[in-house]
Amino acid sequence: MNFTSSIVSQFDFGSILSNIWVILFILLFIIPQWQRFSLNQQRRDLLKRIGKLRGSTVITLIHRQETVAFFGFPISRYIDIDDSEEVLRAIRLAPKDSPIDIILHTPGGIALAATQIALALKSHPSKKRVIVPHYAMSGGTLIAMAADEVCMDPHAVLGPVDPQLSDQTGSYPASSIIKVVERKYVNEVDDKTLMMAEEARKAIAQIKDLVKKILQDRFDEQTRERIFDEFVSGKYTHDHPITAERIAGLMHSCISMELPREVYQLMSLYRMEVAPRRPGVEFVPIRS
């Protein structure tokens, strides 16, 4: 009798242990995957609704701070080459007669990637709108400049697009490097700083030419010079927020402070996730 009871107890314990592993597997793997799938589906459904309401191809370029799954350290997303490839593909696949809406939320990123996106957006033959619910700094501002209309929340901001030069010790504003060299005698400046100053002059000239190309068919020369002074000259620190009100004073009819309600709903679906990477670009093509 005791022998039988012992076997039954061992069986029950093994069964319970097996069930615990099944429950842990569901909690650790199945449920997070299902939640991620559900969130992605909600975003796609809302993107479809926004596209239908506005009659446009909707593209998102949204970068939120994320957490690395194993260590919990916060990391920041930014515009990179992967993003530019996806956005260029989305613009290329958009029908020529379809407006494009880019929902933009980013701290900026790689200059090459932002430049590619801005030029591709400008070349689209139909109307281009950039929607900024919170902020689009640096390269994000460059992309916004390429749009026919920038829709900003009244409290949203853009930022300077002045070039930054980097080395092993840090990142420095190109305009500041030039000013340091101008205020010193040549024999008081080391060769590396002189070389950086030369690169800084090239960088500022290049970004001015790029901004001019983006803006030339929409603004007169006087307005372009004011925009250069505000965004490119190094007037502010690189992370300085330029308000929607200030931008409206510069770009006038190109700025709207009314955003679709659905955009705010969409942003709530980009909450922080515990994952190594979430796609920064998503779009729903219009079916012809």
C-alpha atoms as a PDB file:
ATOM      1  CA  MET A   1       0.000   0.000   0.000  1.00  0.00           C
ATOM      2  CA  ASN A   2       2.801   2.361   0.919  1.00  0.00           C
ATOM      3  CA  PHE A   3       4.690   1.365  -2.241  1.00  0.00           C
ATOM      4  CA  THR A   4       1.678   2.251  -4.400  1.00  0.00           C
ATOM      5  CA  SER A   5       1.227   5.579  -2.647  1.00  0.00           C
ATOM      6  CA  SER A   6       4.893   6.406  -3.259  1.00  0.00           C
ATOM      7  CA  ILE A   7       4.535   5.717  -7.001  1.00  0.00           C
ATOM      8  CA  VAL A   8       1.409   7.854  -7.186  1.00  0.00           C
ATOM      9  CA  SER A   9       3.156  10.708  -5.343  1.00  0.00           C
ATOM     10  CA  GLN A  10       6.156  10.584  -7.694  1.00  0.00           C
ATOM     11  CA  PHE A  11       3.820  10.573 -10.686  1.00  0.00           C
ATOM     12  CA  ASP A  12       1.900  13.557  -9.363  1.00  0.00           C
ATOM     13  CA  PHE A  13       5.129  15.464  -8.673  1.00  0.00           C
ATOM     14  CA  GLY A  14       6.458  14.765 -12.175  1.00  0.00           C
ATOM     15  CA  SER A  15       3.178  15.846 -13.701  1.00  0.00           C
ATOM     16  CA  ILE A  16       3.156  19.086 -11.731  1.00  0.00           C
ATOM     17  CA  LEU A  17       6.776  19.826 -12.683  1.00  0.00           C
ATOM     18  CA  SER A  18       5.971  19.220 -16.339  1.00  0.00           C
ATOM     19  CA  ASN A  19       2.981  21.558 -16.152  1.00  0.00           C
ATOM     20  CA  ILE A  20       5.122  24.264 -14.563  1.00  0.00           C
ATOM     21  CA  TRP A  21       7.564  24.125 -17.489  1.00  0.00           C
ATOM     22  CA  VAL A  22       4.662  24.384 -19.921  1.00  0.00           C
ATOM     23  CA  ILE A  23       3.290  27.407 -18.056  1.00  0.00           C
ATOM     24  CA  LEU A  24       6.727  29.063 -17.960  1.00  0.00           C
ATOM     25  CA  PHE A  25       7.164  28.468 -21.693  1.00  0.00           C
ATOM     26  CA  ILE A  26       3.798  30.107 -22.387  1.00  0.00           C
ATOM     27  CA  LEU A  27       4.585  33.073 -20.127  1.00  0.00           C
ATOM     28  CA  LEU A  28       8.114  33.658 -21.439  1.00  0.00           C
ATOM     29  CA  PHE A  29       7.708  32.921 -25.147  1.00  0.00           C
ATOM     30  CA  ILE A  30       4.155  32.488 -26.394  1.00  0.00           C
ATOM     31  CA  ILE A  31       2.483  35.454 -24.690  1.00  0.00           C
ATOM     32  CA  PRO A  32       5.200  38.058 -25.614  1.00  0.00           C
ATOM     33  CA  GLN A  33       5.123  36.861 -29.223  1.00  0.00           C
ATOM     34  CA  TRP A  34       1.344  37.095 -29.307  1.00  0.00           C
ATOM     35  CA  GLN A  35       1.434  40.576 -27.743  1.00  0.00           C
ATOM     36  CA  ARG A  36       3.989  41.733 -30.322  1.00  0.00           C
ATOM     37  CA  PHE A  37       1.912  40.303 -33.167  1.00  0.00           C
ATOM     38  CA  SER A  38      -1.228  41.968 -31.790  1.00  0.00           C
ATOM     39  CA  LEU A  39       0.529  45.342 -31.468  1.00  0.00           C
ATOM     40  CA  ASN A  40       1.918  45.128 -35.017  1.00  0.00           C
ATOM     41  CA  GLN A  41      -1.532  44.292 -36.345  1.00  0.00           C
ATOM     42  CA  GLN A  42      -3.092  47.243 -34.502  1.00  0.00           C
ATOM     43  CA  ARG A  43      -0.520  49.568 -36.035  1.00  0.00           C
ATOM     44  CA  ARG A  44      -1.091  48.241 -39.539  1.00  0.00           C
ATOM     45  CA  ASP A  45      -4.872  48.543 -39.161  1.00  0.00           C
ATOM     46  CA  LEU A  46      -4.525  52.145 -37.976  1.00  0.00           C
ATOM     47  CA  LEU A  47      -2.111  52.969 -40.800  1.00  0.00           C
ATOM     48  CA  LYS A  48      -4.671  51.634 -43.278  1.00  0.00           C
ATOM     49  CA  ARG A  49      -7.361  53.792 -41.691  1.00  0.00           C
ATOM     50  CA  ILE A  50      -5.187  56.936 -41.818  1.00  0.00           C
ATOM     51  CA  GLY A  51      -4.291  56.227 -45.452  1.00  0.00           C
ATOM     52  CA  LYS A  52      -7.948  55.764 -46.362  1.00  0.00           C
ATOM     53  CA  LEU A  53      -9.042  58.934 -44.544  1.00  0.00           C
ATOM     54  CA  ARG A  54      -6.310  61.061 -46.156  1.00  0.00           C
ATOM     55  CA  GLY A  55      -6.226  59.275 -49.517  1.00  0.00           C
ATOM     56  CA  SER A  56      -2.483  58.828 -49.238  1.00  0.00           C
ATOM     57  CA  THR A  57       0.351  56.371 -48.865  1.00  0.00           C
ATOM     58  CA  VAL A  58       1.304  56.537 -45.186  1.00  0.00           C
ATOM     59  CA  ILE A  59       4.891  55.844 -44.130  1.00  0.00           C
ATOM     60  CA  THR A  60       6.147  55.880 -40.554  1.00  0.00           C
ATOM     61  CA  LEU A  61       9.662  56.814 -39.509  1.00  0.00           C
ATOM     62  CA  ILE A  62       9.359  56.500 -35.755  1.00  0.00           C
ATOM     63  CA  HIS A  63      12.222  56.021 -33.322  1.00  0.00           C
ATOM     64  CA  ARG A  64      11.506  55.462 -29.654  1.00  0.00           C
ATOM     65  CA  GLN A  65      13.926  54.582 -26.873  1.00  0.00           C
ATOM     66  CA  GLU A  66      13.969  50.831 -26.380  1.00  0.00           C
ATOM     67  CA  THR A  67      15.305  48.379 -23.814  1.00  0.00           C
ATOM     68  CA  VAL A  68      17.722  45.544 -24.553  1.00  0.00           C
ATOM     69  CA  ALA A  69      15.984  42.301 -23.637  1.00  0.00           C
ATOM     70  CA  PHE A  70      18.631  40.703 -21.414  1.00  0.00           C
ATOM     71  CA  PHE A  71      20.273  43.623 -19.631  1.00  0.00           C
ATOM     72  CA  GLY A  72      17.573  46.308 -19.502  1.00  0.00           C
ATOM     73  CA  PHE A  73      19.872  49.079 -20.734  1.00  0.00           C
ATOM     74  CA  PRO A  74      18.070  51.857 -22.673  1.00  0.00           C
ATOM     75  CA  ILE A  75      19.247  52.400 -26.244  1.00  0.00           C
ATOM     76  CA  SER A  76      18.240  55.096 -28.713  1.00  0.00           C
ATOM     77  CA  ARG A  77      17.104  54.563 -32.285  1.00  0.00           C
ATOM     78  CA  TYR A  78      18.009  56.951 -35.082  1.00  0.00           C
ATOM     79  CA  ILE A  79      17.784  57.270 -38.869  1.00  0.00           C
ATOM     80  CA  ASP A  80      20.144  54.720 -40.388  1.00  0.00           C
ATOM     81  CA  ILE A  81      20.791  53.149 -43.790  1.00  0.00           C
ATOM     82  CA  ASP A  82      18.242  50.391 -43.160  1.00  0.00           C
ATOM     83  CA  ASP A  83      15.607  53.080 -42.624  1.00  0.00           C
ATOM     84  CA  SER A  84      16.574  54.941 -45.798  1.00  0.00           C
ATOM     85  CA  GLU A  85      16.372  51.746 -47.859  1.00  0.00           C
ATOM     86  CA  GLU A  86      12.879  50.988 -46.537  1.00  0.00           C
ATOM     87  CA  VAL A  87      11.581  54.544 -46.953  1.00  0.00           C
ATOM     88  CA  LEU A  88      12.991  54.805 -50.485  1.00  0.00           C
ATOM     89  CA  ARG A  89      11.289  51.525 -51.354  1.00  0.00           C
ATOM     90  CA  ALA A  90       8.001  52.794 -49.919  1.00  0.00           C
ATOM     91  CA  ILE A  91       8.233  56.047 -51.910  1.00  0.00           C
ATOM     92  CA  ARG A  92       9.150  54.160 -55.072  1.00  0.00           C
ATOM     93  CA  LEU A  93       6.158  51.819 -54.691  1.00  0.00           C
ATOM     94  CA  ALA A  94       3.701  54.658 -54.035  1.00  0.00           C
ATOM     95  CA  PRO A  95       1.508  55.473 -57.073  1.00  0.00           C
ATOM     96  CA  LYS A  96       2.680  58.627 -58.847  1.00  0.00           C
ATOM     97  CA  ASP A  97      -0.694  60.293 -58.338  1.00  0.00           C
ATOM     98  CA  SER A  98      -0.918  59.333 -54.654  1.00  0.00           C
ATOM     99  CA  PRO A  99      -0.004  61.876 -51.946  1.00  0.00           C
ATOM    100  CA  ILE A 100       2.537  60.682 -49.385  1.00  0.00           C
ATOM    101  CA  ASP A 101       2.236  61.245 -45.646  1.00  0.00           C
ATOM    102  CA  ILE A 102       5.345  60.533 -43.565  1.00  0.00           C
ATOM    103  CA  ILE A 103       4.690  60.340 -39.830  1.00  0.00           C
ATOM    104  CA  LEU A 104       8.016  61.450 -38.391  1.00  0.00           C
ATOM    105  CA  HIS A 105       9.288  61.044 -34.831  1.00  0.00           C
ATOM    106  CA  THR A 106      13.078  60.922 -34.595  1.00  0.00           C
ATOM    107  CA  PRO A 107      16.146  62.471 -32.939  1.00  0.00           C
ATOM    108  CA  GLY A 108      17.902  62.495 -36.332  1.00  0.00           C
ATOM    109  CA  GLY A 109      20.634  60.153 -37.491  1.00  0.00           C
ATOM    110  CA  ILE A 110      23.101  59.468 -40.294  1.00  0.00           C
ATOM    111  CA  ALA A 111      23.323  62.425 -42.681  1.00  0.00           C
ATOM    112  CA  LEU A 112      23.566  60.227 -45.772  1.00  0.00           C
ATOM    113  CA  ALA A 113      20.400  58.314 -44.869  1.00  0.00           C
ATOM    114  CA  ALA A 114      18.412  61.493 -44.117  1.00  0.00           C
ATOM    115  CA  THR A 115      19.649  63.113 -47.360  1.00  0.00           C
ATOM    116  CA  GLN A 116      18.538  60.128 -49.450  1.00  0.00           C
ATOM    117  CA  ILE A 117      15.077  60.185 -47.880  1.00  0.00           C
ATOM    118  CA  ALA A 118      14.704  63.961 -48.315  1.00  0.00           C
ATOM    119  CA  LEU A 119      15.675  63.882 -52.000  1.00  0.00           C
ATOM    120  CA  ALA A 120      13.470  60.863 -52.731  1.00  0.00           C
ATOM    121  CA  LEU A 121      10.515  62.522 -51.022  1.00  0.00           C
ATOM    122  CA  LYS A 122      11.037  65.775 -52.930  1.00  0.00           C
ATOM    123  CA  SER A 123      11.118  63.913 -56.256  1.00  0.00           C
ATOM    124  CA  HIS A 124       7.692  62.303 -55.722  1.00  0.00           C
ATOM    125  CA  PRO A 125       5.350  64.009 -58.231  1.00  0.00           C
ATOM    126  CA  SER A 126       2.269  64.182 -56.002  1.00  0.00           C
ATOM    127  CA  LYS A 127       1.783  66.129 -52.766  1.00  0.00           C
ATOM    128  CA  LYS A 128       4.149  65.327 -49.898  1.00  0.00           C
ATOM    129  CA  ARG A 129       3.251  65.914 -46.251  1.00  0.00           C
ATOM    130  CA  VAL A 130       5.340  65.305 -43.149  1.00  0.00           C
ATOM    131  CA  ILE A 131       3.450  64.876 -39.871  1.00  0.00           C
ATOM    132  CA  VAL A 132       5.351  65.656 -36.657  1.00  0.00           C
ATOM    133  CA  PRO A 133       3.400  64.791 -33.502  1.00  0.00           C
ATOM    134  CA  HIS A 134       6.305  65.375 -31.074  1.00  0.00           C
ATOM    135  CA  TYR A 135       9.728  66.100 -32.555  1.00  0.00           C
ATOM    136  CA  ALA A 136      11.883  65.598 -35.654  1.00  0.00           C
ATOM    137  CA  MET A 137      15.405  66.810 -34.996  1.00  0.00           C
ATOM    138  CA  SER A 138      18.493  67.135 -37.212  1.00  0.00           C
ATOM    139  CA  GLY A 139      18.069  64.684 -40.121  1.00  0.00           C
ATOM    140  CA  GLY A 140      14.355  64.538 -39.337  1.00  0.00           C
ATOM    141  CA  THR A 141      14.148  68.294 -39.925  1.00  0.00           C
ATOM    142  CA  LEU A 142      15.953  67.874 -43.250  1.00  0.00           C
ATOM    143  CA  ILE A 143      13.284  65.373 -44.325  1.00  0.00           C
ATOM    144  CA  ALA A 144      10.532  67.738 -43.189  1.00  0.00           C
ATOM    145  CA  MET A 145      11.998  70.506 -45.363  1.00  0.00           C
ATOM    146  CA  ALA A 146      11.458  68.335 -48.446  1.00  0.00           C
ATOM    147  CA  ALA A 147       7.694  68.179 -47.894  1.00  0.00           C
ATOM    148  CA  ASP A 148       5.134  70.495 -49.469  1.00  0.00           C
ATOM    149  CA  GLU A 149       3.428  70.756 -46.083  1.00  0.00           C
ATOM    150  CA  VAL A 150       4.598  70.070 -42.526  1.00  0.00           C
ATOM    151  CA  CYS A 151       1.805  69.250 -40.084  1.00  0.00           C
ATOM    152  CA  MET A 152       3.014  69.846 -36.526  1.00  0.00           C
ATOM    153  CA  ASP A 153       1.410  69.598 -33.147  1.00  0.00           C
ATOM    154  CA  PRO A 154       1.430  73.129 -31.660  1.00  0.00           C
ATOM    155  CA  HIS A 155       4.022  71.917 -29.135  1.00  0.00           C
ATOM    156  CA  ALA A 156       6.096  69.820 -31.547  1.00  0.00           C
ATOM    157  CA  VAL A 157       9.594  70.954 -32.505  1.00  0.00           C
ATOM    158  CA  LEU A 158      12.179  70.658 -35.249  1.00  0.00           C
ATOM    159  CA  GLY A 159      15.911  71.259 -34.835  1.00  0.00           C
ATOM    160  CA  PRO A 160      19.031  72.662 -36.510  1.00  0.00           C
ATOM    161  CA  VAL A 161      20.612  70.756 -39.403  1.00  0.00           C
ATOM    162  CA  ASP A 162      24.080  72.267 -38.929  1.00  0.00           C
ATOM    163  CA  PRO A 163      26.860  69.731 -39.639  1.00  0.00           C
ATOM    164  CA  GLN A 164      28.665  67.952 -36.798  1.00  0.00           C
ATOM    165  CA  LEU A 165      32.198  66.560 -37.173  1.00  0.00           C
ATOM    166  CA  SER A 166      33.305  63.598 -35.064  1.00  0.00           C
ATOM    167  CA  ASP A 167      36.572  62.020 -34.017  1.00  0.00           C
ATOM    168  CA  GLN A 168      37.655  59.595 -31.301  1.00  0.00           C
ATOM    169  CA  THR A 169      37.077  62.174 -28.566  1.00  0.00           C
ATOM    170  CA  GLY A 170      33.593  63.338 -29.479  1.00  0.00           C
ATOM    171  CA  SER A 171      31.376  65.308 -31.847  1.00  0.00           C
ATOM    172  CA  TYR A 172      31.796  69.028 -32.559  1.00  0.00           C
ATOM    173  CA  PRO A 173      29.716  71.647 -34.439  1.00  0.00           C
ATOM    174  CA  ALA A 174      31.340  72.571 -37.730  1.00  0.00           C
ATOM    175  CA  SER A 175      30.588  76.268 -37.181  1.00  0.00           C
ATOM    176  CA  SER A 176      32.337  76.242 -33.788  1.00  0.00           C
ATOM    177  CA  ILE A 177      35.473  74.620 -35.204  1.00  0.00           C
ATOM    178  CA  ILE A 178      35.681  77.353 -37.854  1.00  0.00           C
ATOM    179  CA  LYS A 179      35.235  80.123 -35.265  1.00  0.00           C
ATOM    180  CA  VAL A 180      38.000  78.720 -33.055  1.00  0.00           C
ATOM    181  CA  VAL A 181      40.452  78.732 -35.968  1.00  0.00           C
ATOM    182  CA  GLU A 182      39.421  82.240 -37.045  1.00  0.00           C
ATOM    183  CA  ARG A 183      40.038  83.621 -33.550  1.00  0.00           C
ATOM    184  CA  LYS A 184      43.555  82.207 -33.224  1.00  0.00           C
ATOM    185  CA  TYR A 185      46.799  82.698 -35.086  1.00  0.00           C
ATOM    186  CA  VAL A 186      47.608  79.792 -37.387  1.00  0.00           C
ATOM    187  CA  ASN A 187      50.769  78.920 -35.455  1.00  0.00           C
ATOM    188  CA  GLU A 188      48.663  78.542 -32.288  1.00  0.00           C
ATOM    189  CA  VAL A 189      46.445  75.856 -33.819  1.00  0.00           C
ATOM    190  CA  ASP A 190      47.471  72.229 -34.244  1.00  0.00           C
ATOM    191  CA  ASP A 191      47.349  70.571 -37.663  1.00  0.00           C
ATOM    192  CA  LYS A 192      44.425  68.317 -36.749  1.00  0.00           C
ATOM    193  CA  THR A 193      42.223  71.289 -35.816  1.00  0.00           C
ATOM    194  CA  LEU A 194      43.203  73.087 -39.031  1.00  0.00           C
ATOM    195  CA  MET A 195      42.234  70.020 -41.054  1.00  0.00           C
ATOM    196  CA  MET A 196      38.932  69.739 -39.163  1.00  0.00           C
ATOM    197  CA  ALA A 197      38.250  73.418 -39.894  1.00  0.00           C
ATOM    198  CA  GLU A 198      38.753  72.774 -43.604  1.00  0.00           C
ATOM    199  CA  GLU A 199      36.371  69.814 -43.433  1.00  0.00           C
ATOM    200  CA  ALA A 200      33.916  71.960 -41.453  1.00  0.00           C
ATOM    201  CA  ARG A 201      33.856  74.614 -44.217  1.00  0.00           C
ATOM    202  CA  LYS A 202      33.141  71.916 -46.788  1.00  0.00           C
ATOM    203  CA  ALA A 203      30.403  70.395 -44.621  1.00  0.00           C
ATOM    204  CA  ILE A 204      28.599  73.718 -44.132  1.00  0.00           C
ATOM    205  CA  ALA A 205      28.830  74.532 -47.854  1.00  0.00           C
ATOM    206  CA  GLN A 206      27.476  71.085 -48.722  1.00  0.00           C
ATOM    207  CA  ILE A 207      24.509  71.257 -46.352  1.00  0.00           C
ATOM    208  CA  LYS A 208      23.676  74.784 -47.587  1.00  0.00           C
ATOM    209  CA  ASP A 209      23.664  73.538 -51.181  1.00  0.00           C
ATOM    210  CA  LEU A 210      21.444  70.608 -50.178  1.00  0.00           C
ATOM    211  CA  VAL A 211      18.939  72.788 -48.304  1.00  0.00           C
ATOM    212  CA  LYS A 212      18.906  75.244 -51.225  1.00  0.00           C
ATOM    213  CA  LYS A 213      18.121  72.397 -53.622  1.00  0.00           C
ATOM    214  CA  ILE A 214      15.307  71.198 -51.395  1.00  0.00           C
ATOM    215  CA  LEU A 215      13.767  74.652 -50.916  1.00  0.00           C
ATOM    216  CA  GLN A 216      14.528  76.484 -54.165  1.00  0.00           C
ATOM    217  CA  ASP A 217      11.186  75.956 -55.941  1.00  0.00           C
ATOM    218  CA  ARG A 218       9.042  76.983 -52.944  1.00  0.00           C
ATOM    219  CA  PHE A 219      10.719  80.021 -51.368  1.00  0.00           C
ATOM    220  CA  ASP A 220      12.311  83.201 -52.611  1.00  0.00           C
ATOM    221  CA  GLU A 221      15.988  83.923 -51.948  1.00  0.00           C
ATOM    222  CA  GLN A 222      15.316  86.149 -48.943  1.00  0.00           C
ATOM    223  CA  THR A 223      13.219  83.474 -47.216  1.00  0.00           C
ATOM    224  CA  ARG A 224      15.815  80.816 -47.984  1.00  0.00           C
ATOM    225  CA  GLU A 225      18.514  82.956 -46.360  1.00  0.00           C
ATOM    226  CA  ARG A 226      16.403  83.303 -43.209  1.00  0.00           C
ATOM    227  CA  ILE A 227      15.921  79.526 -43.119  1.00  0.00           C
ATOM    228  CA  PHE A 228      19.688  79.010 -43.614  1.00  0.00           C
ATOM    229  CA  ASP A 229      20.398  81.361 -40.718  1.00  0.00           C
ATOM    230  CA  GLU A 230      17.927  79.579 -38.428  1.00  0.00           C
ATOM    231  CA  PHE A 231      18.752  75.971 -39.243  1.00  0.00           C
ATOM    232  CA  VAL A 232      22.227  75.732 -40.822  1.00  0.00           C
ATOM    233  CA  SER A 233      24.476  78.551 -39.607  1.00  0.00           C
ATOM    234  CA  GLY A 234      25.219  77.217 -36.121  1.00  0.00           C
ATOM    235  CA  LYS A 235      23.129  79.918 -34.492  1.00  0.00           C
ATOM    236  CA  TYR A 236      21.894  77.387 -31.907  1.00  0.00           C
ATOM    237  CA  THR A 237      23.216  74.249 -30.271  1.00  0.00           C
ATOM    238  CA  HIS A 238      22.483  71.136 -32.315  1.00  0.00           C
ATOM    239  CA  ASP A 239      19.774  69.913 -29.923  1.00  0.00           C
ATOM    240  CA  HIS A 240      18.005  73.289 -29.666  1.00  0.00           C
ATOM    241  CA  PRO A 241      14.221  72.909 -30.168  1.00  0.00           C
ATOM    242  CA  ILE A 242      12.761  75.211 -32.819  1.00  0.00           C
ATOM    243  CA  THR A 243       9.064  75.589 -32.114  1.00  0.00           C
ATOM    244  CA  ALA A 244       6.159  75.145 -34.492  1.00  0.00           C
ATOM    245  CA  GLU A 245       5.261  78.813 -34.001  1.00  0.00           C
ATOM    246  CA  ARG A 246       8.758  79.953 -34.979  1.00  0.00           C
ATOM    247  CA  ILE A 247       8.798  77.655 -38.007  1.00  0.00           C
ATOM    248  CA  ALA A 248       5.382  78.911 -39.111  1.00  0.00           C
ATOM    249  CA  GLY A 249       6.821  82.447 -39.043  1.00  0.00           C
ATOM    250  CA  LEU A 250       9.616  81.323 -41.371  1.00  0.00           C
ATOM    251  CA  MET A 251       7.805  78.953 -43.732  1.00  0.00           C
ATOM    252  CA  HIS A 252       4.276  80.453 -43.569  1.00  0.00           C
ATOM    253  CA  SER A 253       1.729  78.446 -45.562  1.00  0.00           C
ATOM    254  CA  CYS A 254       3.913  75.307 -45.573  1.00  0.00           C
ATOM    255  CA  ILE A 255       3.174  74.743 -41.873  1.00  0.00           C
ATOM    256  CA  SER A 256      -0.089  73.429 -40.434  1.00  0.00           C
ATOM    257  CA  MET A 257      -0.746  72.924 -36.713  1.00  0.00           C
ATOM    258  CA  GLU A 258      -3.628  70.497 -37.140  1.00  0.00           C
ATOM    259  CA  LEU A 259      -2.936  66.774 -36.879  1.00  0.00           C
ATOM    260  CA  PRO A 260      -5.349  63.904 -37.508  1.00  0.00           C
ATOM    261  CA  ARG A 261      -6.539  62.399 -34.217  1.00  0.00           C
ATOM    262  CA  GLU A 262      -5.520  58.965 -35.485  1.00  0.00           C
ATOM    263  CA  VAL A 263      -1.840  60.011 -35.489  1.00  0.00           C
ATOM    264  CA  TYR A 264      -1.894  60.395 -31.712  1.00  0.00           C
ATOM    265  CA  GLN A 265      -3.569  56.995 -31.446  1.00  0.00           C
ATOM    266  CA  LEU A 266      -0.817  55.537 -33.611  1.00  0.00           C
ATOM    267  CA  MET A 267       1.941  56.996 -31.425  1.00  0.00           C
ATOM    268  CA  SER A 268       0.428  55.282 -28.383  1.00  0.00           C
ATOM    269  CA  LEU A 269       1.039  51.958 -30.161  1.00  0.00           C
ATOM    270  CA  TYR A 270       4.788  52.640 -30.321  1.00  0.00           C
ATOM    271  CA  ARG A 271       5.341  52.257 -26.608  1.00  0.00           C
ATOM    272  CA  MET A 272       8.618  50.832 -25.356  1.00  0.00           C
ATOM    273  CA  GLU A 273       9.087  47.115 -25.902  1.00  0.00           C
ATOM    274  CA  VAL A 274      11.581  44.676 -24.451  1.00  0.00           C
ATOM    275  CA  ALA A 275      13.117  43.636 -27.751  1.00  0.00           C
ATOM    276  CA  PRO A 276      16.463  44.083 -29.491  1.00  0.00           C
ATOM    277  CA  ARG A 277      14.909  45.931 -32.425  1.00  0.00           C
ATOM    278  CA  ARG A 278      11.511  47.108 -33.584  1.00  0.00           C
ATOM    279  CA  PRO A 279      11.029  48.206 -37.218  1.00  0.00           C
ATOM    280  CA  GLY A 280      11.321  51.972 -37.503  1.00  0.00           C
ATOM    281  CA  VAL A 281       9.665  52.085 -40.918  1.00  0.00           C
ATOM    282  CA  GLU A 282       6.272  50.653 -41.854  1.00  0.00           C
ATOM    283  CA  PHE A 283       3.960  51.446 -44.736  1.00  0.00           C
ATOM    284  CA  VAL A 284       0.810  50.167 -46.395  1.00  0.00           C
ATOM    285  CA  PRO A 285       0.901  50.483 -50.221  1.00  0.00           C
ATOM    286  CA  ILE A 286      -2.219  51.703 -52.010  1.00  0.00           C
ATOM    287  CA  ARG A 287      -3.576  49.036 -54.268  1.00  0.00           C
ATOM    288  CA  SER A 288      -4.110  50.271 -57.818  1.00  0.00           C
END
